[in-house]
Amino acid sequence: DGRDDIFEEGDGAFVDGLHAGDKLTVES
């Protein structure tokens, strides 16, 4: 979601407060 946190292998992200149809970006 364009945020500062970097997630490495084995990590997960809880993304809450979403609405159907939102576009959630994941960048490598």
mmCIF file of all heavy atoms, coordinates in Angstrom:
data_MODEL
# 
_entry.id   MODEL 
# 
loop_
_atom_site.group_PDB 
_atom_site.id 
_atom_site.type_symbol 
_atom_site.label_atom_id 
_atom_site.label_alt_id 
_atom_site.label_comp_id 
_atom_site.label_asym_id 
_atom_site.label_entity_id 
_atom_site.label_seq_id 
_atom_site.pdbx_PDB_ins_code 
_atom_site.Cartn_x 
_atom_site.Cartn_y 
_atom_site.Cartn_z 
_atom_site.occupancy 
_atom_site.B_iso_or_equiv 
_atom_site.pdbx_formal_charge 
_atom_site.auth_seq_id 
_atom_site.auth_comp_id 
_atom_site.auth_asym_id 
_atom_site.auth_atom_id 
_atom_site.pdbx_PDB_model_num 
ATOM 1   N N   . ASP A 1 1  ? 0.821   -1.212  0.000  1.00 0.00 ? 1  ASP A N   1 
ATOM 2   C CA  . ASP A 1 1  ? 0.000   0.000   0.000  1.00 0.00 ? 1  ASP A CA  1 
ATOM 3   C C   . ASP A 1 1  ? 0.859   1.269   0.000  1.00 0.00 ? 1  ASP A C   1 
ATOM 4   O O   . ASP A 1 1  ? 0.458   2.291   0.557  1.00 0.00 ? 1  ASP A O   1 
ATOM 5   C CB  . ASP A 1 1  ? -0.966  -0.012  1.199  1.00 0.00 ? 1  ASP A CB  1 
ATOM 6   C CG  . ASP A 1 1  ? -2.047  1.050   1.099  1.00 0.00 ? 1  ASP A CG  1 
ATOM 7   O OD1 . ASP A 1 1  ? -2.442  1.400   -0.034 1.00 0.00 ? 1  ASP A OD1 1 
ATOM 8   O OD2 . ASP A 1 1  ? -2.489  1.543   2.164  1.00 0.00 ? 1  ASP A OD2 1 
ATOM 9   N N   . GLY A 1 2  ? 2.046   1.191   -0.578 1.00 0.00 ? 2  GLY A N   1 
ATOM 10  C CA  . GLY A 1 2  ? 2.896   2.371   -0.696 1.00 0.00 ? 2  GLY A CA  1 
ATOM 11  C C   . GLY A 1 2  ? 3.427   2.900   0.618  1.00 0.00 ? 2  GLY A C   1 
ATOM 12  O O   . GLY A 1 2  ? 3.954   4.017   0.682  1.00 0.00 ? 2  GLY A O   1 
ATOM 13  N N   . ARG A 1 3  ? 3.330   2.108   1.666  1.00 0.00 ? 3  ARG A N   1 
ATOM 14  C CA  . ARG A 1 3  ? 3.769   2.563   2.992  1.00 0.00 ? 3  ARG A CA  1 
ATOM 15  C C   . ARG A 1 3  ? 5.257   2.272   3.205  1.00 0.00 ? 3  ARG A C   1 
ATOM 16  O O   . ARG A 1 3  ? 5.883   1.567   2.427  1.00 0.00 ? 3  ARG A O   1 
ATOM 17  C CB  . ARG A 1 3  ? 2.904   1.917   4.076  1.00 0.00 ? 3  ARG A CB  1 
ATOM 18  C CG  . ARG A 1 3  ? 1.446   2.364   3.950  1.00 0.00 ? 3  ARG A CG  1 
ATOM 19  C CD  . ARG A 1 3  ? 0.488   1.612   4.842  1.00 0.00 ? 3  ARG A CD  1 
ATOM 20  N NE  . ARG A 1 3  ? -0.898  1.952   4.508  1.00 0.00 ? 3  ARG A NE  1 
ATOM 21  C CZ  . ARG A 1 3  ? -1.603  2.899   5.112  1.00 0.00 ? 3  ARG A CZ  1 
ATOM 22  N NH1 . ARG A 1 3  ? -1.075  3.601   6.092  1.00 0.00 ? 3  ARG A NH1 1 
ATOM 23  N NH2 . ARG A 1 3  ? -2.848  3.141   4.731  1.00 0.00 ? 3  ARG A NH2 1 
ATOM 24  N N   . ASP A 1 4  ? 5.806   2.839   4.287  1.00 0.00 ? 4  ASP A N   1 
ATOM 25  C CA  . ASP A 1 4  ? 7.253   2.776   4.501  1.00 0.00 ? 4  ASP A CA  1 
ATOM 26  C C   . ASP A 1 4  ? 7.743   1.390   4.916  1.00 0.00 ? 4  ASP A C   1 
ATOM 27  O O   . ASP A 1 4  ? 8.894   1.037   4.652  1.00 0.00 ? 4  ASP A O   1 
ATOM 28  C CB  . ASP A 1 4  ? 7.676   3.796   5.573  1.00 0.00 ? 4  ASP A CB  1 
ATOM 29  C CG  . ASP A 1 4  ? 7.507   5.238   5.094  1.00 0.00 ? 4  ASP A CG  1 
ATOM 30  O OD1 . ASP A 1 4  ? 7.512   5.442   3.864  1.00 0.00 ? 4  ASP A OD1 1 
ATOM 31  O OD2 . ASP A 1 4  ? 7.374   6.135   5.948  1.00 0.00 ? 4  ASP A OD2 1 
ATOM 32  N N   . ASP A 1 5  ? 6.894   0.626   5.598  1.00 0.00 ? 5  ASP A N   1 
ATOM 33  C CA  . ASP A 1 5  ? 7.335   -0.684  6.113  1.00 0.00 ? 5  ASP A CA  1 
ATOM 34  C C   . ASP A 1 5  ? 7.822   -1.577  4.976  1.00 0.00 ? 5  ASP A C   1 
ATOM 35  O O   . ASP A 1 5  ? 7.165   -1.688  3.939  1.00 0.00 ? 5  ASP A O   1 
ATOM 36  C CB  . ASP A 1 5  ? 6.190   -1.394  6.837  1.00 0.00 ? 5  ASP A CB  1 
ATOM 37  C CG  . ASP A 1 5  ? 5.865   -0.753  8.168  1.00 0.00 ? 5  ASP A CG  1 
ATOM 38  O OD1 . ASP A 1 5  ? 6.781   -0.530  8.967  1.00 0.00 ? 5  ASP A OD1 1 
ATOM 39  O OD2 . ASP A 1 5  ? 4.669   -0.471  8.398  1.00 0.00 ? 5  ASP A OD2 1 
ATOM 40  N N   . ILE A 1 6  ? 8.943   -2.236  5.203  1.00 0.00 ? 6  ILE A N   1 
ATOM 41  C CA  . ILE A 1 6  ? 9.462   -3.234  4.267  1.00 0.00 ? 6  ILE A CA  1 
ATOM 42  C C   . ILE A 1 6  ? 9.194   -4.607  4.874  1.00 0.00 ? 6  ILE A C   1 
ATOM 43  O O   . ILE A 1 6  ? 9.509   -4.861  6.039  1.00 0.00 ? 6  ILE A O   1 
ATOM 44  C CB  . ILE A 1 6  ? 10.970  -3.053  4.016  1.00 0.00 ? 6  ILE A CB  1 
ATOM 45  C CG1 . ILE A 1 6  ? 11.255  -1.657  3.460  1.00 0.00 ? 6  ILE A CG1 1 
ATOM 46  C CG2 . ILE A 1 6  ? 11.484  -4.143  3.074  1.00 0.00 ? 6  ILE A CG2 1 
ATOM 47  C CD1 . ILE A 1 6  ? 10.659  -1.379  2.099  1.00 0.00 ? 6  ILE A CD1 1 
ATOM 48  N N   . PHE A 1 7  ? 8.616   -5.509  4.066  1.00 0.00 ? 7  PHE A N   1 
ATOM 49  C CA  . PHE A 1 7  ? 8.304   -6.857  4.523  1.00 0.00 ? 7  PHE A CA  1 
ATOM 50  C C   . PHE A 1 7  ? 9.257   -7.835  3.848  1.00 0.00 ? 7  PHE A C   1 
ATOM 51  O O   . PHE A 1 7  ? 9.387   -7.833  2.621  1.00 0.00 ? 7  PHE A O   1 
ATOM 52  C CB  . PHE A 1 7  ? 6.846   -7.198  4.209  1.00 0.00 ? 7  PHE A CB  1 
ATOM 53  C CG  . PHE A 1 7  ? 5.876   -6.328  4.945  1.00 0.00 ? 7  PHE A CG  1 
ATOM 54  C CD1 . PHE A 1 7  ? 5.427   -5.135  4.378  1.00 0.00 ? 7  PHE A CD1 1 
ATOM 55  C CD2 . PHE A 1 7  ? 5.436   -6.666  6.217  1.00 0.00 ? 7  PHE A CD2 1 
ATOM 56  C CE1 . PHE A 1 7  ? 4.545   -4.315  5.058  1.00 0.00 ? 7  PHE A CE1 1 
ATOM 57  C CE2 . PHE A 1 7  ? 4.553   -5.849  6.909  1.00 0.00 ? 7  PHE A CE2 1 
ATOM 58  C CZ  . PHE A 1 7  ? 4.107   -4.672  6.329  1.00 0.00 ? 7  PHE A CZ  1 
ATOM 59  N N   . GLU A 1 8  ? 9.908   -8.639  4.669  1.00 0.00 ? 8  GLU A N   1 
ATOM 60  C CA  . GLU A 1 8  ? 10.879  -9.605  4.171  1.00 0.00 ? 8  GLU A CA  1 
ATOM 61  C C   . GLU A 1 8  ? 10.262  -11.001 4.174  1.00 0.00 ? 8  GLU A C   1 
ATOM 62  O O   . GLU A 1 8  ? 9.117   -11.193 4.580  1.00 0.00 ? 8  GLU A O   1 
ATOM 63  C CB  . GLU A 1 8  ? 12.152  -9.533  5.019  1.00 0.00 ? 8  GLU A CB  1 
ATOM 64  C CG  . GLU A 1 8  ? 12.758  -8.127  5.032  1.00 0.00 ? 8  GLU A CG  1 
ATOM 65  C CD  . GLU A 1 8  ? 14.134  -8.081  5.676  1.00 0.00 ? 8  GLU A CD  1 
ATOM 66  O OE1 . GLU A 1 8  ? 14.666  -9.156  6.038  1.00 0.00 ? 8  GLU A OE1 1 
ATOM 67  O OE2 . GLU A 1 8  ? 14.675  -6.969  5.812  1.00 0.00 ? 8  GLU A OE2 1 
ATOM 68  N N   . GLU A 1 9  ? 11.039  -11.969 3.716  1.00 0.00 ? 9  GLU A N   1 
ATOM 69  C CA  . GLU A 1 9  ? 10.523  -13.344 3.626  1.00 0.00 ? 9  GLU A CA  1 
ATOM 70  C C   . GLU A 1 9  ? 10.137  -13.874 5.011  1.00 0.00 ? 9  GLU A C   1 
ATOM 71  O O   . GLU A 1 9  ? 10.891  -13.718 5.973  1.00 0.00 ? 9  GLU A O   1 
ATOM 72  C CB  . GLU A 1 9  ? 11.570  -14.239 2.967  1.00 0.00 ? 9  GLU A CB  1 
ATOM 73  C CG  . GLU A 1 9  ? 11.775  -13.883 1.506  1.00 0.00 ? 9  GLU A CG  1 
ATOM 74  C CD  . GLU A 1 9  ? 12.845  -14.735 0.845  1.00 0.00 ? 9  GLU A CD  1 
ATOM 75  O OE1 . GLU A 1 9  ? 12.942  -15.930 1.156  1.00 0.00 ? 9  GLU A OE1 1 
ATOM 76  O OE2 . GLU A 1 9  ? 13.588  -14.186 0.003  1.00 0.00 ? 9  GLU A OE2 1 
ATOM 77  N N   . GLY A 1 10 ? 8.965   -14.478 5.072  1.00 0.00 ? 10 GLY A N   1 
ATOM 78  C CA  . GLY A 1 10 ? 8.427   -14.966 6.339  1.00 0.00 ? 10 GLY A CA  1 
ATOM 79  C C   . GLY A 1 10 ? 7.536   -13.953 7.024  1.00 0.00 ? 10 GLY A C   1 
ATOM 80  O O   . GLY A 1 10 ? 6.748   -14.303 7.903  1.00 0.00 ? 10 GLY A O   1 
ATOM 81  N N   . ASP A 1 11 ? 7.657   -12.673 6.634  1.00 0.00 ? 11 ASP A N   1 
ATOM 82  C CA  . ASP A 1 11 ? 6.811   -11.629 7.222  1.00 0.00 ? 11 ASP A CA  1 
ATOM 83  C C   . ASP A 1 11 ? 5.404   -11.677 6.631  1.00 0.00 ? 11 ASP A C   1 
ATOM 84  O O   . ASP A 1 11 ? 5.191   -12.176 5.522  1.00 0.00 ? 11 ASP A O   1 
ATOM 85  C CB  . ASP A 1 11 ? 7.385   -10.236 6.927  1.00 0.00 ? 11 ASP A CB  1 
ATOM 86  C CG  . ASP A 1 11 ? 8.661   -9.918  7.708  1.00 0.00 ? 11 ASP A CG  1 
ATOM 87  O OD1 . ASP A 1 11 ? 8.984   -10.653 8.655  1.00 0.00 ? 11 ASP A OD1 1 
ATOM 88  O OD2 . ASP A 1 11 ? 9.325   -8.911  7.356  1.00 0.00 ? 11 ASP A OD2 1 
ATOM 89  N N   . GLY A 1 12 ? 4.489   -11.075 7.374  1.00 0.00 ? 12 GLY A N   1 
ATOM 90  C CA  . GLY A 1 12 ? 3.141   -10.877 6.882  1.00 0.00 ? 12 GLY A CA  1 
ATOM 91  C C   . GLY A 1 12 ? 2.679   -9.468  7.198  1.00 0.00 ? 12 GLY A C   1 
ATOM 92  O O   . GLY A 1 12 ? 3.283   -8.760  8.014  1.00 0.00 ? 12 GLY A O   1 
ATOM 93  N N   . ALA A 1 13 ? 1.601   -9.046  6.555  1.00 0.00 ? 13 ALA A N   1 
ATOM 94  C CA  . ALA A 1 13 ? 1.011   -7.738  6.814  1.00 0.00 ? 13 ALA A CA  1 
ATOM 95  C C   . ALA A 1 13 ? -0.487  -7.905  7.015  1.00 0.00 ? 13 ALA A C   1 
ATOM 96  O O   . ALA A 1 13 ? -1.175  -8.458  6.152  1.00 0.00 ? 13 ALA A O   1 
ATOM 97  C CB  . ALA A 1 13 ? 1.275   -6.787  5.646  1.00 0.00 ? 13 ALA A CB  1 
ATOM 98  N N   . PHE A 1 14 ? -0.981  -7.443  8.163  1.00 0.00 ? 14 PHE A N   1 
ATOM 99  C CA  . PHE A 1 14 ? -2.416  -7.346  8.398  1.00 0.00 ? 14 PHE A CA  1 
ATOM 100 C C   . PHE A 1 14 ? -2.879  -6.014  7.821  1.00 0.00 ? 14 PHE A C   1 
ATOM 101 O O   . PHE A 1 14 ? -2.433  -4.953  8.282  1.00 0.00 ? 14 PHE A O   1 
ATOM 102 C CB  . PHE A 1 14 ? -2.734  -7.347  9.893  1.00 0.00 ? 14 PHE A CB  1 
ATOM 103 C CG  . PHE A 1 14 ? -2.391  -8.616  10.631 1.00 0.00 ? 14 PHE A CG  1 
ATOM 104 C CD1 . PHE A 1 14 ? -1.266  -8.683  11.450 1.00 0.00 ? 14 PHE A CD1 1 
ATOM 105 C CD2 . PHE A 1 14 ? -3.202  -9.731  10.541 1.00 0.00 ? 14 PHE A CD2 1 
ATOM 106 C CE1 . PHE A 1 14 ? -0.960  -9.837  12.153 1.00 0.00 ? 14 PHE A CE1 1 
ATOM 107 C CE2 . PHE A 1 14 ? -2.917  -10.895 11.243 1.00 0.00 ? 14 PHE A CE2 1 
ATOM 108 C CZ  . PHE A 1 14 ? -1.784  -10.948 12.048 1.00 0.00 ? 14 PHE A CZ  1 
ATOM 109 N N   . VAL A 1 15 ? -3.752  -6.051  6.822  1.00 0.00 ? 15 VAL A N   1 
ATOM 110 C CA  . VAL A 1 15 ? -4.285  -4.813  6.253  1.00 0.00 ? 15 VAL A CA  1 
ATOM 111 C C   . VAL A 1 15 ? -5.780  -4.786  6.555  1.00 0.00 ? 15 VAL A C   1 
ATOM 112 O O   . VAL A 1 15 ? -6.543  -5.598  6.032  1.00 0.00 ? 15 VAL A O   1 
ATOM 113 C CB  . VAL A 1 15 ? -4.020  -4.706  4.736  1.00 0.00 ? 15 VAL A CB  1 
ATOM 114 C CG1 . VAL A 1 15 ? -4.386  -3.309  4.244  1.00 0.00 ? 15 VAL A CG1 1 
ATOM 115 C CG2 . VAL A 1 15 ? -2.560  -5.019  4.404  1.00 0.00 ? 15 VAL A CG2 1 
ATOM 116 N N   . ASP A 1 16 ? -6.178  -3.851  7.408  1.00 0.00 ? 16 ASP A N   1 
ATOM 117 C CA  . ASP A 1 16 ? -7.551  -3.799  7.908  1.00 0.00 ? 16 ASP A CA  1 
ATOM 118 C C   . ASP A 1 16 ? -8.223  -2.500  7.461  1.00 0.00 ? 16 ASP A C   1 
ATOM 119 O O   . ASP A 1 16 ? -7.562  -1.561  7.010  1.00 0.00 ? 16 ASP A O   1 
ATOM 120 C CB  . ASP A 1 16 ? -7.535  -3.885  9.437  1.00 0.00 ? 16 ASP A CB  1 
ATOM 121 C CG  . ASP A 1 16 ? -8.746  -4.589  10.006 1.00 0.00 ? 16 ASP A CG  1 
ATOM 122 O OD1 . ASP A 1 16 ? -9.761  -4.706  9.290  1.00 0.00 ? 16 ASP A OD1 1 
ATOM 123 O OD2 . ASP A 1 16 ? -8.686  -5.012  11.179 1.00 0.00 ? 16 ASP A OD2 1 
ATOM 124 N N   . GLY A 1 17 ? -9.540  -2.444  7.587  1.00 0.00 ? 17 GLY A N   1 
ATOM 125 C CA  . GLY A 1 17 ? -10.292 -1.251  7.245  1.00 0.00 ? 17 GLY A CA  1 
ATOM 126 C C   . GLY A 1 17 ? -10.498 -1.065  5.755  1.00 0.00 ? 17 GLY A C   1 
ATOM 127 O O   . GLY A 1 17 ? -10.765 0.055   5.288  1.00 0.00 ? 17 GLY A O   1 
ATOM 128 N N   . LEU A 1 18 ? -10.391 -2.146  5.001  1.00 0.00 ? 18 LEU A N   1 
ATOM 129 C CA  . LEU A 1 18 ? -10.530 -2.076  3.547  1.00 0.00 ? 18 LEU A CA  1 
ATOM 130 C C   . LEU A 1 18 ? -11.995 -2.187  3.119  1.00 0.00 ? 18 LEU A C   1 
ATOM 131 O O   . LEU A 1 18 ? -12.838 -2.671  3.871  1.00 0.00 ? 18 LEU A O   1 
ATOM 132 C CB  . LEU A 1 18 ? -9.724  -3.201  2.894  1.00 0.00 ? 18 LEU A CB  1 
ATOM 133 C CG  . LEU A 1 18 ? -8.200  -3.125  3.057  1.00 0.00 ? 18 LEU A CG  1 
ATOM 134 C CD1 . LEU A 1 18 ? -7.554  -4.458  2.698  1.00 0.00 ? 18 LEU A CD1 1 
ATOM 135 C CD2 . LEU A 1 18 ? -7.629  -2.004  2.187  1.00 0.00 ? 18 LEU A CD2 1 
ATOM 136 N N   . HIS A 1 19 ? -12.245 -1.766  1.883  1.00 0.00 ? 19 HIS A N   1 
ATOM 137 C CA  . HIS A 1 19 ? -13.568 -1.896  1.280  1.00 0.00 ? 19 HIS A CA  1 
ATOM 138 C C   . HIS A 1 19 ? -13.441 -2.676  -0.021 1.00 0.00 ? 19 HIS A C   1 
ATOM 139 O O   . HIS A 1 19 ? -12.447 -2.541  -0.745 1.00 0.00 ? 19 HIS A O   1 
ATOM 140 C CB  . HIS A 1 19 ? -14.176 -0.524  0.985  1.00 0.00 ? 19 HIS A CB  1 
ATOM 141 C CG  . HIS A 1 19 ? -14.195 0.413   2.149  1.00 0.00 ? 19 HIS A CG  1 
ATOM 142 N ND1 . HIS A 1 19 ? -14.793 0.085   3.347  1.00 0.00 ? 19 HIS A ND1 1 
ATOM 143 C CD2 . HIS A 1 19 ? -13.674 1.658   2.310  1.00 0.00 ? 19 HIS A CD2 1 
ATOM 144 C CE1 . HIS A 1 19 ? -14.664 1.091   4.194  1.00 0.00 ? 19 HIS A CE1 1 
ATOM 145 N NE2 . HIS A 1 19 ? -13.975 2.058   3.595  1.00 0.00 ? 19 HIS A NE2 1 
ATOM 146 N N   . ALA A 1 20 ? -14.432 -3.487  -0.326 1.00 0.00 ? 20 ALA A N   1 
ATOM 147 C CA  . ALA A 1 20 ? -14.443 -4.205  -1.600 1.00 0.00 ? 20 ALA A CA  1 
ATOM 148 C C   . ALA A 1 20 ? -14.261 -3.206  -2.741 1.00 0.00 ? 20 ALA A C   1 
ATOM 149 O O   . ALA A 1 20 ? -14.892 -2.148  -2.758 1.00 0.00 ? 20 ALA A O   1 
ATOM 150 C CB  . ALA A 1 20 ? -15.740 -4.977  -1.763 1.00 0.00 ? 20 ALA A CB  1 
ATOM 151 N N   . GLY A 1 21 ? -13.382 -3.529  -3.670 1.00 0.00 ? 21 GLY A N   1 
ATOM 152 C CA  . GLY A 1 21 ? -13.091 -2.649  -4.797 1.00 0.00 ? 21 GLY A CA  1 
ATOM 153 C C   . GLY A 1 21 ? -11.860 -1.793  -4.600 1.00 0.00 ? 21 GLY A C   1 
ATOM 154 O O   . GLY A 1 21 ? -11.334 -1.236  -5.578 1.00 0.00 ? 21 GLY A O   1 
ATOM 155 N N   . ASP A 1 22 ? -11.371 -1.664  -3.359 1.00 0.00 ? 22 ASP A N   1 
ATOM 156 C CA  . ASP A 1 22 ? -10.114 -0.938  -3.130 1.00 0.00 ? 22 ASP A CA  1 
ATOM 157 C C   . ASP A 1 22 ? -8.985  -1.582  -3.934 1.00 0.00 ? 22 ASP A C   1 
ATOM 158 O O   . ASP A 1 22 ? -8.971  -2.805  -4.123 1.00 0.00 ? 22 ASP A O   1 
ATOM 159 C CB  . ASP A 1 22 ? -9.728  -0.969  -1.648 1.00 0.00 ? 22 ASP A CB  1 
ATOM 160 C CG  . ASP A 1 22 ? -10.507 0.007   -0.795 1.00 0.00 ? 22 ASP A CG  1 
ATOM 161 O OD1 . ASP A 1 22 ? -11.171 0.897   -1.346 1.00 0.00 ? 22 ASP A OD1 1 
ATOM 162 O OD2 . ASP A 1 22 ? -10.448 -0.124  0.458  1.00 0.00 ? 22 ASP A OD2 1 
ATOM 163 N N   . LYS A 1 23 ? -8.034  -0.785  -4.341 1.00 0.00 ? 23 LYS A N   1 
ATOM 164 C CA  . LYS A 1 23 ? -6.848  -1.288  -5.045 1.00 0.00 ? 23 LYS A CA  1 
ATOM 165 C C   . LYS A 1 23 ? -5.678  -1.291  -4.068 1.00 0.00 ? 23 LYS A C   1 
ATOM 166 O O   . LYS A 1 23 ? -5.182  -0.228  -3.675 1.00 0.00 ? 23 LYS A O   1 
ATOM 167 C CB  . LYS A 1 23 ? -6.516  -0.415  -6.258 1.00 0.00 ? 23 LYS A CB  1 
ATOM 168 C CG  . LYS A 1 23 ? -7.676  -0.220  -7.234 1.00 0.00 ? 23 LYS A CG  1 
ATOM 169 C CD  . LYS A 1 23 ? -8.104  -1.519  -7.904 1.00 0.00 ? 23 LYS A CD  1 
ATOM 170 C CE  . LYS A 1 23 ? -9.178  -1.260  -8.951 1.00 0.00 ? 23 LYS A CE  1 
ATOM 171 N NZ  . LYS A 1 23 ? -9.675  -2.505  -9.565 1.00 0.00 ? 23 LYS A NZ  1 
ATOM 172 N N   . LEU A 1 24 ? -5.258  -2.477  -3.677 1.00 0.00 ? 24 LEU A N   1 
ATOM 173 C CA  . LEU A 1 24 ? -4.152  -2.638  -2.733 1.00 0.00 ? 24 LEU A CA  1 
ATOM 174 C C   . LEU A 1 24 ? -2.886  -2.954  -3.509 1.00 0.00 ? 24 LEU A C   1 
ATOM 175 O O   . LEU A 1 24 ? -2.811  -3.986  -4.187 1.00 0.00 ? 24 LEU A O   1 
ATOM 176 C CB  . LEU A 1 24 ? -4.467  -3.762  -1.738 1.00 0.00 ? 24 LEU A CB  1 
ATOM 177 C CG  . LEU A 1 24 ? -3.428  -4.020  -0.650 1.00 0.00 ? 24 LEU A CG  1 
ATOM 178 C CD1 . LEU A 1 24 ? -3.329  -2.833  0.309  1.00 0.00 ? 24 LEU A CD1 1 
ATOM 179 C CD2 . LEU A 1 24 ? -3.766  -5.299  0.125  1.00 0.00 ? 24 LEU A CD2 1 
ATOM 180 N N   . THR A 1 25 ? -1.883  -2.079  -3.442 1.00 0.00 ? 25 THR A N   1 
ATOM 181 C CA  . THR A 1 25 ? -0.653  -2.291  -4.200 1.00 0.00 ? 25 THR A CA  1 
ATOM 182 C C   . THR A 1 25 ? 0.361   -3.076  -3.380 1.00 0.00 ? 25 THR A C   1 
ATOM 183 O O   . THR A 1 25 ? 0.481   -2.910  -2.170 1.00 0.00 ? 25 THR A O   1 
ATOM 184 C CB  . THR A 1 25 ? -0.018  -0.958  -4.641 1.00 0.00 ? 25 THR A CB  1 
ATOM 185 O OG1 . THR A 1 25 ? 0.301   -0.192  -3.480 1.00 0.00 ? 25 THR A OG1 1 
ATOM 186 C CG2 . THR A 1 25 ? -0.949  -0.175  -5.539 1.00 0.00 ? 25 THR A CG2 1 
ATOM 187 N N   . VAL A 1 26 ? 1.084   -3.944  -4.074 1.00 0.00 ? 26 VAL A N   1 
ATOM 188 C CA  . VAL A 1 26 ? 2.203   -4.687  -3.487 1.00 0.00 ? 26 VAL A CA  1 
ATOM 189 C C   . VAL A 1 26 ? 3.386   -4.499  -4.433 1.00 0.00 ? 26 VAL A C   1 
ATOM 190 O O   . VAL A 1 26 ? 3.311   -4.861  -5.607 1.00 0.00 ? 26 VAL A O   1 
ATOM 191 C CB  . VAL A 1 26 ? 1.882   -6.182  -3.311 1.00 0.00 ? 26 VAL A CB  1 
ATOM 192 C CG1 . VAL A 1 26 ? 3.069   -6.904  -2.680 1.00 0.00 ? 26 VAL A CG1 1 
ATOM 193 C CG2 . VAL A 1 26 ? 0.635   -6.373  -2.452 1.00 0.00 ? 26 VAL A CG2 1 
ATOM 194 N N   . GLU A 1 27 ? 4.465   -3.937  -3.900 1.00 0.00 ? 27 GLU A N   1 
ATOM 195 C CA  . GLU A 1 27 ? 5.630   -3.602  -4.709 1.00 0.00 ? 27 GLU A CA  1 
ATOM 196 C C   . GLU A 1 27 ? 6.819   -4.458  -4.275 1.00 0.00 ? 27 GLU A C   1 
ATOM 197 O O   . GLU A 1 27 ? 7.090   -4.606  -3.074 1.00 0.00 ? 27 GLU A O   1 
ATOM 198 C CB  . GLU A 1 27 ? 5.953   -2.122  -4.517 1.00 0.00 ? 27 GLU A CB  1 
ATOM 199 C CG  . GLU A 1 27 ? 7.105   -1.604  -5.341 1.00 0.00 ? 27 GLU A CG  1 
ATOM 200 C CD  . GLU A 1 27 ? 7.387   -0.136  -5.073 1.00 0.00 ? 27 GLU A CD  1 
ATOM 201 O OE1 . GLU A 1 27 ? 6.675   0.475   -4.229 1.00 0.00 ? 27 GLU A OE1 1 
ATOM 202 O OE2 . GLU A 1 27 ? 8.312   0.413   -5.691 1.00 0.00 ? 27 GLU A OE2 1 
ATOM 203 N N   . SER A 1 28 ? 7.521   -5.030  -5.236 1.00 0.00 ? 28 SER A N   1 
ATOM 204 C CA  . SER A 1 28 ? 8.724   -5.824  -4.956 1.00 0.00 ? 28 SER A CA  1 
ATOM 205 C C   . SER A 1 28 ? 9.921   -4.878  -4.903 1.00 0.00 ? 28 SER A C   1 
ATOM 206 O O   . SER A 1 28 ? 10.270  -4.250  -5.906 1.00 0.00 ? 28 SER A O   1 
ATOM 207 C CB  . SER A 1 28 ? 8.924   -6.871  -6.053 1.00 0.00 ? 28 SER A CB  1 
ATOM 208 O OG  . SER A 1 28 ? 10.138  -7.566  -5.875 1.00 0.00 ? 28 SER A OG  1 
# 
